[in-house]
């Protein structure tokens, strides 16, 4: 017999604590690429920036450690997480499959007018590439991928994809700074859009996997370059 939840009182609205608000602000900065992996998060400096004492900042960092965005290291304090290469590869593999499912569902079930909106979003990003507007493209890139999640029409899938995207966001944002990466990323998006508009779910999924493989590969090239400096 299904549960009848209609008689339950509505959950009271709760305002975030100061620690939660600081954690949210830091998470947003990390996922936008403003604080790349390895960035040291000094409690005193963060407290000053947020007009707070060190206690809520310390609690905010604990909250971020629980999400995996931040790591606590001995004698170094909190830093933006820099997982082991194998861990990053595993996360990219999962992200590729989640986004591939989203792209396939978009191709197979998204109404024509919504596909047109996706195409227009992609075309608008060409101007950001031409201007080499890295910050603008990063924001538009996030919106592009989130549009794929929503277009899939499966809320649970969208939630899983969004959680995984946020965990990988610092790395995905960083790789866009690589040589010629903006133009390459935009071309890869074009292949995804072309398949979606054609209603070819298999091709859309394959294009997403290729895009994520190129993204991960670009990170490897950048890491190798940094190691040689």
N, C-alpha and C. Protein backbone atom coordinates (compact mmCIF):
# COMPACT_ATOMS: atom_id res chain seq x y z
N UNK A 1 0.86 -1.19 0.00
CA UNK A 1 0.00 0.00 0.00
C UNK A 1 0.89 1.24 0.00
N UNK A 2 0.71 2.17 -0.93
CA UNK A 2 1.57 3.34 -0.97
C UNK A 2 1.37 4.25 0.23
N UNK A 3 2.44 4.92 0.64
CA UNK A 3 2.36 5.83 1.77
C UNK A 3 1.61 7.09 1.37
N UNK A 4 0.77 7.59 2.27
CA UNK A 4 0.07 8.85 2.04
C UNK A 4 0.83 9.95 2.79
N UNK A 5 1.55 10.79 2.05
CA UNK A 5 2.36 11.83 2.67
C UNK A 5 1.64 13.17 2.71
N UNK A 6 0.38 13.20 2.25
CA UNK A 6 -0.31 14.48 2.14
C UNK A 6 -0.58 15.13 3.49
N UNK A 7 -0.70 14.30 4.56
CA UNK A 7 -1.03 14.84 5.87
C UNK A 7 0.19 15.35 6.63
N UNK A 8 1.39 15.08 6.10
CA UNK A 8 2.59 15.51 6.79
C UNK A 8 2.74 17.01 6.69
N UNK A 9 3.22 17.66 7.76
CA UNK A 9 3.42 19.12 7.70
C UNK A 9 4.54 19.46 6.74
N UNK A 10 4.42 20.61 6.11
CA UNK A 10 5.46 21.04 5.17
C UNK A 10 6.74 21.32 5.94
N UNK A 11 7.85 20.96 5.34
CA UNK A 11 9.14 21.21 5.98
C UNK A 11 9.39 22.71 6.08
N UNK A 12 9.80 23.17 7.25
CA UNK A 12 10.02 24.61 7.41
C UNK A 12 11.20 25.06 6.56
N UNK A 13 11.09 26.28 6.02
CA UNK A 13 12.19 26.82 5.24
C UNK A 13 13.33 27.19 6.18
N UNK A 14 14.53 26.78 5.84
CA UNK A 14 15.68 27.08 6.67
C UNK A 14 16.68 27.90 5.87
N UNK A 15 17.25 28.89 6.52
CA UNK A 15 18.25 29.71 5.89
C UNK A 15 19.61 29.08 6.15
N UNK A 16 20.51 29.13 5.18
CA UNK A 16 21.82 28.53 5.39
C UNK A 16 22.59 29.23 6.50
N UNK A 17 23.37 28.46 7.23
CA UNK A 17 24.23 29.05 8.24
C UNK A 17 25.35 29.82 7.55
N UNK A 18 26.10 30.60 8.31
CA UNK A 18 27.22 31.35 7.73
C UNK A 18 28.24 30.38 7.14
N UNK A 19 28.49 29.29 7.84
CA UNK A 19 29.45 28.29 7.33
C UNK A 19 28.97 27.70 6.01
N UNK A 20 27.67 27.41 5.91
CA UNK A 20 27.12 26.85 4.68
C UNK A 20 27.19 27.87 3.54
N UNK A 21 26.95 29.14 3.85
CA UNK A 21 27.02 30.18 2.82
C UNK A 21 28.45 30.34 2.31
N UNK A 22 29.42 30.30 3.23
CA UNK A 22 30.82 30.40 2.82
C UNK A 22 31.22 29.19 2.00
N UNK A 23 30.77 28.00 2.42
CA UNK A 23 31.07 26.78 1.67
C UNK A 23 30.51 26.85 0.26
N UNK A 24 29.29 27.36 0.13
CA UNK A 24 28.65 27.47 -1.19
C UNK A 24 29.43 28.44 -2.09
N UNK A 25 29.88 29.56 -1.51
CA UNK A 25 30.63 30.55 -2.28
C UNK A 25 31.97 29.97 -2.75
N UNK A 26 32.64 29.25 -1.87
CA UNK A 26 33.92 28.64 -2.23
C UNK A 26 33.73 27.55 -3.28
N UNK A 27 32.68 26.75 -3.12
CA UNK A 27 32.40 25.69 -4.10
C UNK A 27 32.16 26.28 -5.48
N UNK A 28 31.44 27.40 -5.51
CA UNK A 28 31.16 28.05 -6.79
C UNK A 28 32.45 28.56 -7.43
N UNK A 29 33.34 29.15 -6.61
CA UNK A 29 34.61 29.65 -7.14
C UNK A 29 35.47 28.51 -7.65
N UNK A 30 35.45 27.39 -6.94
CA UNK A 30 36.26 26.22 -7.35
C UNK A 30 35.74 25.65 -8.65
N UNK A 31 34.42 25.48 -8.74
CA UNK A 31 33.85 24.87 -9.94
C UNK A 31 33.88 25.78 -11.15
N UNK A 32 34.04 27.10 -10.94
CA UNK A 32 34.20 28.02 -12.06
C UNK A 32 35.66 28.07 -12.53
N UNK A 33 36.54 27.40 -11.80
CA UNK A 33 37.94 27.39 -12.18
C UNK A 33 38.73 28.56 -11.61
N UNK A 34 38.13 29.37 -10.73
CA UNK A 34 38.83 30.51 -10.14
C UNK A 34 39.86 30.06 -9.11
N UNK A 35 39.66 28.87 -8.54
CA UNK A 35 40.61 28.29 -7.59
C UNK A 35 41.00 26.91 -8.12
N UNK A 36 42.06 26.83 -8.90
CA UNK A 36 42.43 25.56 -9.52
C UNK A 36 42.91 24.53 -8.50
N UNK A 37 42.93 23.25 -8.88
CA UNK A 37 43.42 22.20 -7.98
C UNK A 37 44.81 22.54 -7.43
N UNK A 38 44.97 22.32 -6.12
CA UNK A 38 46.24 22.62 -5.47
C UNK A 38 46.27 23.96 -4.77
N UNK A 39 45.26 24.81 -5.00
CA UNK A 39 45.21 26.13 -4.35
C UNK A 39 45.07 25.97 -2.84
N UNK A 40 45.93 26.67 -2.08
CA UNK A 40 45.85 26.63 -0.62
C UNK A 40 44.71 27.53 -0.14
N UNK A 41 43.93 27.02 0.79
CA UNK A 41 42.79 27.76 1.33
C UNK A 41 43.12 28.17 2.77
N UNK A 42 43.64 29.38 2.92
CA UNK A 42 44.07 29.87 4.23
C UNK A 42 42.87 30.40 5.01
N UNK A 43 42.69 29.88 6.22
CA UNK A 43 41.54 30.25 7.03
C UNK A 43 41.49 31.75 7.30
N UNK A 44 42.63 32.33 7.67
CA UNK A 44 42.64 33.76 8.02
C UNK A 44 42.26 34.62 6.83
N UNK A 45 42.81 34.32 5.67
CA UNK A 45 42.51 35.11 4.47
C UNK A 45 41.04 34.94 4.06
N UNK A 46 40.51 33.72 4.16
CA UNK A 46 39.12 33.48 3.80
C UNK A 46 38.18 34.18 4.79
N UNK A 47 38.56 34.17 6.07
CA UNK A 47 37.73 34.85 7.07
C UNK A 47 37.65 36.34 6.77
N UNK A 48 38.78 36.93 6.39
CA UNK A 48 38.80 38.35 6.06
C UNK A 48 37.95 38.64 4.81
N UNK A 49 38.07 37.77 3.82
CA UNK A 49 37.35 37.96 2.56
C UNK A 49 35.84 37.86 2.75
N UNK A 50 35.42 37.02 3.70
CA UNK A 50 33.98 36.80 3.90
C UNK A 50 33.43 37.56 5.12
N UNK A 51 34.26 38.37 5.74
CA UNK A 51 33.80 39.16 6.88
C UNK A 51 33.33 38.29 8.03
N UNK A 52 34.07 37.22 8.30
CA UNK A 52 33.67 36.27 9.34
C UNK A 52 34.87 35.92 10.21
N UNK A 53 34.59 35.23 11.30
CA UNK A 53 35.67 34.71 12.12
C UNK A 53 36.18 33.42 11.50
N UNK A 54 37.24 32.87 12.05
CA UNK A 54 37.81 31.64 11.48
C UNK A 54 36.94 30.42 11.78
N UNK A 55 36.06 30.50 12.80
CA UNK A 55 35.25 29.33 13.16
C UNK A 55 34.30 28.91 12.03
N UNK A 56 33.47 29.81 11.46
CA UNK A 56 32.61 29.36 10.35
C UNK A 56 33.41 28.99 9.10
N UNK A 57 34.57 29.62 8.91
CA UNK A 57 35.42 29.26 7.77
C UNK A 57 35.93 27.83 7.93
N UNK A 58 36.36 27.51 9.15
CA UNK A 58 36.84 26.16 9.42
C UNK A 58 35.73 25.13 9.18
N UNK A 59 34.51 25.48 9.61
CA UNK A 59 33.38 24.57 9.40
C UNK A 59 33.05 24.46 7.91
N UNK A 60 33.15 25.57 7.18
CA UNK A 60 32.90 25.56 5.73
C UNK A 60 33.88 24.63 5.03
N UNK A 61 35.13 24.69 5.43
CA UNK A 61 36.14 23.82 4.82
C UNK A 61 35.86 22.35 5.12
N UNK A 62 35.37 22.08 6.34
CA UNK A 62 35.00 20.70 6.68
C UNK A 62 33.87 20.22 5.77
N UNK A 63 32.90 21.10 5.49
CA UNK A 63 31.80 20.74 4.60
C UNK A 63 32.32 20.44 3.19
N UNK A 64 33.29 21.23 2.73
CA UNK A 64 33.83 21.03 1.40
C UNK A 64 34.70 19.77 1.31
N UNK A 65 35.36 19.43 2.40
CA UNK A 65 36.12 18.18 2.43
C UNK A 65 35.17 17.00 2.21
N UNK A 66 33.99 17.09 2.82
CA UNK A 66 33.01 16.00 2.68
C UNK A 66 32.53 15.85 1.24
N UNK A 67 32.54 16.93 0.45
CA UNK A 67 32.10 16.84 -0.94
C UNK A 67 33.19 16.32 -1.86
N UNK A 68 34.45 16.36 -1.39
CA UNK A 68 35.56 15.94 -2.23
C UNK A 68 36.22 17.07 -2.98
N UNK A 69 35.66 18.29 -2.88
CA UNK A 69 36.24 19.43 -3.57
C UNK A 69 37.52 19.94 -2.89
N UNK A 70 37.62 19.67 -1.59
CA UNK A 70 38.76 20.16 -0.80
C UNK A 70 39.39 19.00 -0.05
N UNK A 71 40.70 19.08 0.13
CA UNK A 71 41.44 18.07 0.90
C UNK A 71 42.14 18.74 2.08
N UNK A 72 42.22 18.03 3.18
CA UNK A 72 43.01 18.49 4.34
C UNK A 72 44.34 17.75 4.31
N UNK A 73 45.44 18.50 4.26
CA UNK A 73 46.76 17.88 4.19
C UNK A 73 47.58 18.24 5.43
N UNK A 74 48.34 17.27 5.96
CA UNK A 74 49.17 17.54 7.14
C UNK A 74 50.14 18.70 6.90
N UNK A 75 50.19 19.62 7.86
CA UNK A 75 51.11 20.76 7.86
C UNK A 75 50.87 21.75 6.72
N UNK A 76 49.89 21.48 5.86
CA UNK A 76 49.60 22.41 4.78
C UNK A 76 48.18 22.96 4.86
N UNK A 77 47.36 22.34 5.66
CA UNK A 77 45.99 22.80 5.79
C UNK A 77 45.12 22.37 4.63
N UNK A 78 44.08 23.16 4.36
CA UNK A 78 43.12 22.81 3.31
C UNK A 78 43.60 23.31 1.95
N UNK A 79 43.41 22.46 0.95
CA UNK A 79 43.74 22.83 -0.43
C UNK A 79 42.64 22.33 -1.34
N UNK A 80 42.46 22.99 -2.48
CA UNK A 80 41.53 22.50 -3.48
C UNK A 80 42.03 21.14 -3.95
N UNK A 81 41.14 20.17 -3.99
CA UNK A 81 41.52 18.78 -4.22
C UNK A 81 42.24 18.58 -5.55
N UNK A 82 43.27 17.76 -5.51
CA UNK A 82 43.98 17.35 -6.71
C UNK A 82 44.10 15.81 -6.63
N UNK A 83 43.04 15.10 -7.06
CA UNK A 83 43.05 13.64 -6.95
C UNK A 83 44.18 13.01 -7.75
N UNK A 84 44.49 11.77 -7.42
CA UNK A 84 45.48 11.01 -8.17
C UNK A 84 45.00 10.84 -9.61
N UNK A 85 45.94 10.77 -10.57
CA UNK A 85 45.55 10.62 -11.98
C UNK A 85 44.56 9.48 -12.23
N UNK A 86 44.75 8.35 -11.53
CA UNK A 86 43.84 7.22 -11.74
C UNK A 86 42.42 7.59 -11.30
N UNK A 87 42.32 8.33 -10.19
CA UNK A 87 41.01 8.74 -9.69
C UNK A 87 40.34 9.69 -10.67
N UNK A 88 41.11 10.63 -11.22
CA UNK A 88 40.57 11.56 -12.20
C UNK A 88 40.09 10.81 -13.43
N UNK A 89 40.88 9.83 -13.88
CA UNK A 89 40.50 9.03 -15.05
C UNK A 89 39.20 8.28 -14.80
N UNK A 90 39.04 7.76 -13.58
CA UNK A 90 37.80 7.04 -13.24
C UNK A 90 36.60 7.99 -13.25
N UNK A 91 36.80 9.19 -12.73
CA UNK A 91 35.71 10.17 -12.72
C UNK A 91 35.33 10.58 -14.14
N UNK A 92 36.33 10.76 -15.01
CA UNK A 92 36.04 11.12 -16.39
C UNK A 92 35.30 9.99 -17.10
N UNK A 93 35.65 8.73 -16.80
CA UNK A 93 34.97 7.60 -17.43
C UNK A 93 33.49 7.58 -17.06
N UNK A 94 33.20 7.84 -15.79
CA UNK A 94 31.80 7.88 -15.34
C UNK A 94 31.08 9.07 -15.95
N UNK A 95 31.75 10.23 -15.97
CA UNK A 95 31.15 11.44 -16.54
C UNK A 95 30.81 11.22 -18.01
N UNK A 96 31.73 10.58 -18.74
CA UNK A 96 31.50 10.34 -20.16
C UNK A 96 30.25 9.50 -20.39
N UNK A 97 30.07 8.46 -19.58
CA UNK A 97 28.91 7.60 -19.75
C UNK A 97 27.62 8.30 -19.36
N UNK A 98 27.65 9.08 -18.28
CA UNK A 98 26.45 9.82 -17.87
C UNK A 98 26.04 10.83 -18.94
N UNK A 99 27.01 11.57 -19.46
CA UNK A 99 26.69 12.57 -20.48
C UNK A 99 26.31 11.90 -21.80
N UNK A 100 26.89 10.73 -22.08
CA UNK A 100 26.52 10.00 -23.29
C UNK A 100 25.05 9.59 -23.24
N UNK A 101 24.60 9.13 -22.08
CA UNK A 101 23.18 8.78 -21.93
C UNK A 101 22.31 10.01 -22.14
N UNK A 102 22.73 11.14 -21.53
CA UNK A 102 21.96 12.38 -21.68
C UNK A 102 21.86 12.79 -23.15
N UNK A 103 22.98 12.73 -23.87
CA UNK A 103 22.99 13.13 -25.28
C UNK A 103 22.11 12.19 -26.11
N UNK A 104 22.17 10.90 -25.81
CA UNK A 104 21.34 9.94 -26.55
C UNK A 104 19.86 10.23 -26.35
N UNK A 105 19.48 10.49 -25.10
CA UNK A 105 18.07 10.78 -24.80
C UNK A 105 17.64 12.10 -25.45
N UNK A 106 18.53 13.08 -25.47
CA UNK A 106 18.22 14.34 -26.14
C UNK A 106 17.95 14.10 -27.62
N UNK A 107 18.79 13.29 -28.25
CA UNK A 107 18.64 13.01 -29.68
C UNK A 107 17.34 12.29 -29.97
N UNK A 108 16.97 11.38 -29.08
CA UNK A 108 15.83 10.51 -29.36
C UNK A 108 14.48 11.11 -28.93
N UNK A 109 14.48 11.98 -27.93
CA UNK A 109 13.20 12.42 -27.37
C UNK A 109 13.00 13.92 -27.27
N UNK A 110 14.06 14.72 -27.43
CA UNK A 110 13.91 16.16 -27.27
C UNK A 110 13.11 16.74 -28.43
N UNK A 111 12.10 17.59 -28.14
CA UNK A 111 11.32 18.21 -29.22
C UNK A 111 12.21 19.04 -30.14
N UNK A 112 11.77 19.17 -31.38
CA UNK A 112 12.56 19.89 -32.38
C UNK A 112 12.91 21.32 -31.92
N UNK A 113 11.94 22.01 -31.31
CA UNK A 113 12.21 23.40 -30.91
C UNK A 113 13.30 23.46 -29.83
N UNK A 114 13.36 22.44 -28.96
CA UNK A 114 14.39 22.42 -27.93
C UNK A 114 15.75 22.09 -28.53
N UNK A 115 15.76 21.24 -29.55
CA UNK A 115 17.01 20.96 -30.25
C UNK A 115 17.53 22.23 -30.93
N UNK A 116 16.61 23.01 -31.46
CA UNK A 116 16.99 24.27 -32.10
C UNK A 116 17.60 25.23 -31.09
N UNK A 117 17.05 25.25 -29.88
CA UNK A 117 17.60 26.10 -28.82
C UNK A 117 19.02 25.67 -28.47
N UNK A 118 19.24 24.36 -28.40
CA UNK A 118 20.58 23.86 -28.13
C UNK A 118 21.56 24.30 -29.22
N UNK A 119 21.10 24.20 -30.46
CA UNK A 119 21.95 24.60 -31.59
C UNK A 119 22.27 26.09 -31.53
N UNK A 120 21.27 26.91 -31.19
CA UNK A 120 21.49 28.35 -31.09
C UNK A 120 22.45 28.68 -29.95
N UNK A 121 22.35 27.94 -28.85
CA UNK A 121 23.27 28.13 -27.72
C UNK A 121 24.71 27.85 -28.18
N UNK A 122 24.86 26.76 -28.93
CA UNK A 122 26.18 26.40 -29.45
C UNK A 122 26.71 27.47 -30.40
N UNK A 123 25.87 27.95 -31.29
CA UNK A 123 26.30 28.96 -32.26
C UNK A 123 26.71 30.26 -31.56
N UNK A 124 26.03 30.61 -30.48
CA UNK A 124 26.37 31.83 -29.74
C UNK A 124 27.75 31.71 -29.11
N UNK A 125 28.15 30.49 -28.77
CA UNK A 125 29.45 30.28 -28.14
C UNK A 125 30.60 30.52 -29.12
N UNK A 126 30.30 30.49 -30.41
CA UNK A 126 31.35 30.73 -31.42
C UNK A 126 31.95 32.12 -31.25
N UNK A 127 31.13 33.09 -30.83
CA UNK A 127 31.64 34.44 -30.64
C UNK A 127 32.63 34.50 -29.49
N UNK A 128 32.39 33.71 -28.47
CA UNK A 128 33.31 33.65 -27.32
C UNK A 128 34.64 33.04 -27.73
N UNK A 129 34.57 32.03 -28.60
CA UNK A 129 35.80 31.40 -29.10
C UNK A 129 36.59 32.41 -29.93
N UNK A 130 35.90 33.12 -30.82
CA UNK A 130 36.56 34.09 -31.69
C UNK A 130 37.25 35.20 -30.89
N UNK A 131 36.62 35.58 -29.78
CA UNK A 131 37.18 36.64 -28.94
C UNK A 131 38.16 36.10 -27.91
N UNK A 132 38.32 34.79 -27.90
CA UNK A 132 39.13 34.09 -26.89
C UNK A 132 38.73 34.55 -25.48
N UNK A 133 37.43 34.60 -25.26
CA UNK A 133 36.86 34.98 -23.96
C UNK A 133 36.80 33.73 -23.10
N UNK A 134 37.90 33.45 -22.40
CA UNK A 134 38.01 32.21 -21.64
C UNK A 134 36.97 32.14 -20.52
N UNK A 135 36.81 33.25 -19.77
CA UNK A 135 35.84 33.25 -18.67
C UNK A 135 34.42 33.06 -19.18
N UNK A 136 34.09 33.78 -20.26
CA UNK A 136 32.74 33.65 -20.83
C UNK A 136 32.49 32.26 -21.37
N UNK A 137 33.51 31.68 -22.01
CA UNK A 137 33.33 30.35 -22.58
C UNK A 137 33.17 29.30 -21.47
N UNK A 138 33.94 29.46 -20.41
CA UNK A 138 33.81 28.51 -19.30
C UNK A 138 32.39 28.49 -18.76
N UNK A 139 31.81 29.67 -18.55
CA UNK A 139 30.44 29.75 -18.04
C UNK A 139 29.45 29.17 -19.05
N UNK A 140 29.63 29.51 -20.33
CA UNK A 140 28.74 28.99 -21.37
C UNK A 140 28.88 27.48 -21.53
N UNK A 141 30.09 26.98 -21.31
CA UNK A 141 30.34 25.55 -21.41
C UNK A 141 29.57 24.77 -20.34
N UNK A 142 29.59 25.31 -19.12
CA UNK A 142 28.83 24.69 -18.04
C UNK A 142 27.34 24.68 -18.39
N UNK A 143 26.84 25.82 -18.88
CA UNK A 143 25.42 25.92 -19.24
C UNK A 143 25.07 24.95 -20.37
N UNK A 144 25.99 24.78 -21.32
CA UNK A 144 25.76 23.86 -22.44
C UNK A 144 25.57 22.44 -21.94
N UNK A 145 26.47 22.00 -21.10
CA UNK A 145 26.38 20.62 -20.60
C UNK A 145 25.17 20.44 -19.68
N UNK A 146 24.87 21.45 -18.88
CA UNK A 146 23.68 21.35 -18.02
C UNK A 146 22.40 21.28 -18.86
N UNK A 147 22.40 21.95 -20.02
CA UNK A 147 21.24 21.89 -20.92
C UNK A 147 21.06 20.46 -21.44
N UNK A 148 22.16 19.76 -21.66
CA UNK A 148 22.07 18.35 -22.08
C UNK A 148 21.44 17.51 -20.97
N UNK A 149 21.84 17.77 -19.73
CA UNK A 149 21.29 17.00 -18.61
C UNK A 149 19.78 17.21 -18.50
N UNK A 150 19.37 18.46 -18.57
CA UNK A 150 17.94 18.77 -18.45
C UNK A 150 17.16 18.25 -19.66
N UNK A 151 17.78 18.33 -20.83
CA UNK A 151 17.11 17.87 -22.04
C UNK A 151 16.86 16.38 -22.08
N UNK A 152 17.61 15.63 -21.27
CA UNK A 152 17.44 14.18 -21.25
C UNK A 152 16.08 13.77 -20.69
N UNK A 153 15.46 14.66 -19.90
CA UNK A 153 14.12 14.37 -19.37
C UNK A 153 14.09 13.35 -18.26
N UNK A 154 15.22 13.16 -17.58
CA UNK A 154 15.30 12.20 -16.47
C UNK A 154 15.96 12.92 -15.30
N UNK A 155 15.16 13.29 -14.30
CA UNK A 155 15.65 14.11 -13.21
C UNK A 155 16.77 13.44 -12.42
N UNK A 156 16.64 12.13 -12.20
CA UNK A 156 17.67 11.43 -11.42
C UNK A 156 18.98 11.39 -12.17
N UNK A 157 18.91 11.13 -13.47
CA UNK A 157 20.10 11.14 -14.31
C UNK A 157 20.73 12.53 -14.28
N UNK A 158 19.91 13.58 -14.36
CA UNK A 158 20.42 14.95 -14.33
C UNK A 158 21.13 15.24 -13.01
N UNK A 159 20.57 14.73 -11.91
CA UNK A 159 21.20 14.93 -10.59
C UNK A 159 22.57 14.25 -10.54
N UNK A 160 22.64 13.01 -11.00
CA UNK A 160 23.91 12.29 -11.00
C UNK A 160 24.95 12.99 -11.87
N UNK A 161 24.52 13.43 -13.04
CA UNK A 161 25.43 14.11 -13.95
C UNK A 161 25.92 15.42 -13.35
N UNK A 162 25.03 16.16 -12.71
CA UNK A 162 25.41 17.45 -12.12
C UNK A 162 26.39 17.27 -10.97
N UNK A 163 26.16 16.28 -10.12
CA UNK A 163 27.08 16.03 -9.00
C UNK A 163 28.46 15.67 -9.52
N UNK A 164 28.51 14.82 -10.53
CA UNK A 164 29.80 14.41 -11.09
C UNK A 164 30.46 15.58 -11.82
N UNK A 165 29.65 16.39 -12.51
CA UNK A 165 30.22 17.56 -13.19
C UNK A 165 30.87 18.51 -12.21
N UNK A 166 30.20 18.78 -11.10
CA UNK A 166 30.76 19.69 -10.11
C UNK A 166 32.06 19.16 -9.54
N UNK A 167 32.14 17.84 -9.38
CA UNK A 167 33.38 17.25 -8.84
C UNK A 167 34.53 17.39 -9.83
N UNK A 168 34.22 17.32 -11.12
CA UNK A 168 35.24 17.43 -12.15
C UNK A 168 35.43 18.86 -12.66
N UNK A 169 34.55 19.76 -12.24
CA UNK A 169 34.54 21.12 -12.80
C UNK A 169 35.89 21.83 -12.74
N UNK A 170 36.65 21.74 -11.63
CA UNK A 170 37.94 22.45 -11.62
C UNK A 170 38.88 21.98 -12.71
N UNK A 171 38.83 20.68 -13.03
CA UNK A 171 39.72 20.13 -14.04
C UNK A 171 39.22 20.49 -15.45
N UNK A 172 37.92 20.44 -15.64
CA UNK A 172 37.36 20.79 -16.95
C UNK A 172 37.58 22.27 -17.24
N UNK A 173 37.47 23.10 -16.22
CA UNK A 173 37.70 24.53 -16.43
C UNK A 173 39.17 24.80 -16.73
N UNK A 174 40.06 24.10 -16.03
CA UNK A 174 41.49 24.32 -16.22
C UNK A 174 41.95 23.95 -17.62
N UNK A 175 41.42 22.85 -18.16
CA UNK A 175 41.91 22.38 -19.46
C UNK A 175 41.54 23.33 -20.60
N UNK A 176 40.52 24.16 -20.40
CA UNK A 176 40.13 25.10 -21.45
C UNK A 176 41.19 26.18 -21.68
N UNK A 177 42.11 26.31 -20.73
CA UNK A 177 43.19 27.27 -20.89
C UNK A 177 44.33 26.73 -21.74
N UNK A 178 44.24 25.45 -22.15
CA UNK A 178 45.28 24.86 -22.97
C UNK A 178 45.29 25.43 -24.39
N UNK A 179 46.41 25.27 -25.08
CA UNK A 179 46.58 25.81 -26.43
C UNK A 179 45.51 25.27 -27.38
N UNK A 180 44.80 26.17 -28.06
CA UNK A 180 43.79 25.83 -29.07
C UNK A 180 42.62 25.02 -28.51
N UNK A 181 42.50 24.96 -27.18
CA UNK A 181 41.47 24.09 -26.60
C UNK A 181 40.07 24.67 -26.76
N UNK A 182 39.93 26.00 -26.74
CA UNK A 182 38.60 26.59 -26.91
C UNK A 182 38.00 26.18 -28.26
N UNK A 183 38.77 26.36 -29.33
CA UNK A 183 38.27 26.04 -30.67
C UNK A 183 37.98 24.55 -30.79
N UNK A 184 38.84 23.71 -30.22
CA UNK A 184 38.64 22.26 -30.29
C UNK A 184 37.38 21.85 -29.53
N UNK A 185 37.20 22.42 -28.34
CA UNK A 185 36.02 22.11 -27.54
C UNK A 185 34.75 22.50 -28.28
N UNK A 186 34.77 23.68 -28.91
CA UNK A 186 33.60 24.14 -29.64
C UNK A 186 33.29 23.22 -30.82
N UNK A 187 34.31 22.76 -31.50
CA UNK A 187 34.10 21.83 -32.62
C UNK A 187 33.53 20.51 -32.13
N UNK A 188 33.99 20.05 -30.98
CA UNK A 188 33.46 18.80 -30.41
C UNK A 188 32.00 18.97 -30.02
N UNK A 189 31.65 20.13 -29.47
CA UNK A 189 30.25 20.43 -29.17
C UNK A 189 29.42 20.38 -30.47
N UNK A 190 30.01 20.89 -31.55
CA UNK A 190 29.30 20.89 -32.83
C UNK A 190 28.92 19.50 -33.29
N UNK A 191 29.83 18.54 -33.07
CA UNK A 191 29.53 17.16 -33.45
C UNK A 191 28.39 16.60 -32.60
N UNK A 192 28.37 16.97 -31.33
CA UNK A 192 27.29 16.51 -30.44
C UNK A 192 25.95 17.08 -30.90
N UNK A 193 25.94 18.38 -31.18
CA UNK A 193 24.71 19.06 -31.60
C UNK A 193 24.21 18.48 -32.93
N UNK A 194 25.12 18.27 -33.87
CA UNK A 194 24.74 17.73 -35.18
C UNK A 194 24.03 16.39 -35.03
N UNK A 195 24.57 15.53 -34.17
CA UNK A 195 23.96 14.21 -33.96
C UNK A 195 22.61 14.33 -33.26
N UNK A 196 22.51 15.21 -32.28
CA UNK A 196 21.24 15.39 -31.57
C UNK A 196 20.17 15.90 -32.52
N UNK A 197 20.51 16.91 -33.32
CA UNK A 197 19.53 17.48 -34.25
C UNK A 197 19.10 16.47 -35.32
N UNK A 198 20.00 15.53 -35.64
CA UNK A 198 19.68 14.49 -36.61
C UNK A 198 18.89 13.34 -35.99
N UNK A 199 18.71 13.37 -34.68
CA UNK A 199 17.99 12.30 -34.00
C UNK A 199 18.78 11.01 -33.89
N UNK A 200 20.11 11.10 -34.01
CA UNK A 200 20.97 9.91 -33.98
C UNK A 200 21.56 9.76 -32.58
N UNK A 201 20.88 8.97 -31.76
CA UNK A 201 21.30 8.80 -30.36
C UNK A 201 22.67 8.17 -30.22
N UNK A 202 22.96 7.16 -31.03
CA UNK A 202 24.25 6.48 -30.93
C UNK A 202 25.39 7.43 -31.29
N UNK A 203 25.19 8.23 -32.34
CA UNK A 203 26.23 9.19 -32.75
C UNK A 203 26.41 10.28 -31.70
N UNK A 204 25.32 10.72 -31.09
CA UNK A 204 25.41 11.75 -30.05
C UNK A 204 26.19 11.24 -28.86
N UNK A 205 25.91 9.99 -28.46
CA UNK A 205 26.64 9.39 -27.33
C UNK A 205 28.12 9.25 -27.67
N UNK A 206 28.43 8.81 -28.88
CA UNK A 206 29.82 8.64 -29.30
C UNK A 206 30.54 9.98 -29.32
N UNK A 207 29.85 11.04 -29.77
CA UNK A 207 30.46 12.37 -29.83
C UNK A 207 30.77 12.90 -28.44
N UNK A 208 29.89 12.62 -27.48
CA UNK A 208 30.14 13.04 -26.10
C UNK A 208 31.35 12.30 -25.53
N UNK A 209 31.42 11.00 -25.78
CA UNK A 209 32.57 10.24 -25.28
C UNK A 209 33.87 10.76 -25.87
N UNK A 210 33.85 11.10 -27.15
CA UNK A 210 35.05 11.65 -27.79
C UNK A 210 35.42 13.00 -27.17
N UNK A 211 34.40 13.81 -26.88
CA UNK A 211 34.63 15.13 -26.27
C UNK A 211 35.27 14.98 -24.90
N UNK A 212 34.75 14.09 -24.07
CA UNK A 212 35.31 13.91 -22.73
C UNK A 212 36.70 13.29 -22.80
N UNK A 213 36.93 12.42 -23.77
CA UNK A 213 38.28 11.84 -23.94
C UNK A 213 39.28 12.92 -24.31
N UNK A 214 38.87 13.86 -25.18
CA UNK A 214 39.75 14.96 -25.57
C UNK A 214 40.00 15.89 -24.39
N UNK A 215 38.97 16.12 -23.59
CA UNK A 215 39.11 16.97 -22.40
C UNK A 215 40.12 16.36 -21.44
N UNK A 216 39.96 15.07 -21.17
CA UNK A 216 40.88 14.38 -20.27
C UNK A 216 42.30 14.37 -20.85
N UNK A 217 42.40 14.14 -22.15
CA UNK A 217 43.70 14.11 -22.80
C UNK A 217 44.41 15.45 -22.72
N UNK A 218 43.65 16.54 -22.84
CA UNK A 218 44.22 17.87 -22.74
C UNK A 218 44.80 18.11 -21.36
N UNK A 219 44.14 17.60 -20.33
CA UNK A 219 44.66 17.73 -18.97
C UNK A 219 45.99 17.00 -18.83
N UNK A 220 46.10 15.84 -19.48
CA UNK A 220 47.34 15.08 -19.43
C UNK A 220 48.48 15.83 -20.08
N UNK A 221 48.20 16.48 -21.20
CA UNK A 221 49.22 17.27 -21.89
C UNK A 221 49.67 18.43 -21.01
N UNK A 222 48.69 19.11 -20.38
CA UNK A 222 49.04 20.25 -19.52
C UNK A 222 49.85 19.81 -18.32
N UNK A 223 49.51 18.65 -17.75
CA UNK A 223 50.25 18.14 -16.60
C UNK A 223 51.69 17.82 -16.99
N UNK A 224 51.86 17.26 -18.16
CA UNK A 224 53.20 16.94 -18.63
C UNK A 224 54.03 18.19 -18.86
N UNK A 225 53.39 19.25 -19.39
CA UNK A 225 54.08 20.51 -19.62
C UNK A 225 54.52 21.12 -18.30
N UNK A 226 53.62 21.08 -17.28
CA UNK A 226 53.96 21.64 -15.98
C UNK A 226 55.12 20.89 -15.34
N UNK A 227 55.16 19.56 -15.55
CA UNK A 227 56.22 18.76 -14.94
C UNK A 227 57.58 19.12 -15.52
N UNK A 228 57.60 19.59 -16.79
CA UNK A 228 58.88 19.90 -17.43
C UNK A 228 59.38 21.30 -17.11
N UNK A 229 58.48 22.15 -16.55
CA UNK A 229 58.89 23.53 -16.24
C UNK A 229 59.74 23.56 -14.96
